Amino acid sequence: MIKTVIYSRVSSESERQNTERQTKELQEYANRMNYDVVEIFEEKVRGLKRTIKDLFFQRCWNWLKKERLIKY
């Protein structure tokens, strides 16, 4: 089974947009593909600047390296 992570993001914190639907759909896809979801990252932000995006990506990247899911 292939290990994978889920990354869900919305650009608004309104009621209309949420990461729950995205995460659910991605989990269903992972199940169909027989992937083992080992972590879920959700981001709910509005008006992100690039440096903040980079920090979030870095957190995900560091987690992947720590769990030895990637080699770099």
Protein backbone atom coordinates (compact mmCIF):
# COMPACT_ATOMS: atom_id res chain seq x y z
CA MET A 1 0.00 0.00 0.00
CA ILE A 2 1.32 3.43 -0.94
CA LYS A 3 1.55 5.96 1.88
CA THR A 4 0.24 9.41 1.10
CA VAL A 5 -0.87 12.66 2.71
CA ILE A 6 -3.89 14.84 2.03
CA TYR A 7 -3.59 18.60 1.62
CA SER A 8 -6.84 20.57 1.59
CA ARG A 9 -6.95 24.34 1.23
CA VAL A 10 -9.56 27.04 0.91
CA SER A 11 -8.84 30.71 0.39
CA SER A 12 -11.70 31.98 2.52
CA GLU A 13 -12.95 31.28 6.00
CA SER A 14 -16.59 31.72 4.97
CA GLU A 15 -19.29 29.13 5.67
CA ARG A 16 -19.50 28.45 1.94
CA GLN A 17 -15.91 27.29 1.63
CA ASN A 18 -14.48 24.62 3.87
CA THR A 19 -11.86 21.93 3.73
CA GLU A 20 -14.19 19.18 4.96
CA ARG A 21 -15.64 18.47 1.51
CA GLN A 22 -12.22 18.48 -0.14
CA THR A 23 -10.76 16.22 2.53
CA LYS A 24 -13.68 13.79 2.30
CA GLU A 25 -13.39 13.57 -1.49
CA LEU A 26 -9.63 13.05 -1.27
CA GLN A 27 -10.06 10.33 1.37
CA GLU A 28 -12.59 8.56 -0.86
CA TYR A 29 -10.17 8.76 -3.77
CA ALA A 30 -7.35 7.40 -1.62
CA ASN A 31 -9.55 4.49 -0.56
CA ARG A 32 -10.42 3.67 -4.19
CA MET A 33 -6.73 3.76 -5.11
CA ASN A 34 -5.78 1.68 -2.05
CA TYR A 35 -3.57 4.46 -0.64
CA ASP A 36 -2.73 4.64 3.05
CA VAL A 37 -3.44 8.20 4.23
CA VAL A 38 -0.95 8.83 7.02
CA GLU A 39 -1.57 12.54 7.63
CA ILE A 40 -4.06 15.25 6.70
CA PHE A 41 -3.05 18.89 6.35
CA GLU A 42 -5.82 21.47 6.16
CA GLU A 43 -5.34 25.15 5.48
CA LYS A 44 -8.06 27.78 5.85
CA VAL A 45 -6.68 31.18 4.95
CA ARG A 46 -7.61 34.38 3.26
CA GLY A 47 -5.23 36.67 1.44
CA LEU A 48 -2.09 34.66 2.08
CA LYS A 49 1.22 36.15 1.23
CA ARG A 50 3.82 33.95 -0.37
CA THR A 51 6.03 33.77 2.73
CA ILE A 52 3.17 32.38 4.82
CA LYS A 53 2.38 29.82 2.11
CA ASP A 54 6.03 28.83 2.11
CA LEU A 55 5.95 28.33 5.89
CA PHE A 56 2.95 26.02 5.63
CA PHE A 57 4.58 24.06 2.81
CA GLN A 58 7.77 23.83 4.85
CA ARG A 59 5.81 22.36 7.78
CA CYS A 60 4.37 19.69 5.47
CA TRP A 61 7.79 19.00 3.91
CA ASN A 62 9.45 18.67 7.32
CA TRP A 63 6.77 16.24 8.45
CA LEU A 64 7.30 14.09 5.35
CA LYS A 65 11.07 14.02 5.92
CA LYS A 66 10.63 13.22 9.63
CA GLU A 67 8.32 10.32 8.82
CA ARG A 68 10.78 9.17 6.15
CA LEU A 69 8.11 9.19 3.48
CA ILE A 70 10.44 11.07 1.18
CA LYS A 71 14.17 11.08 0.72
CA TYR A 72 15.84 14.37 0.00
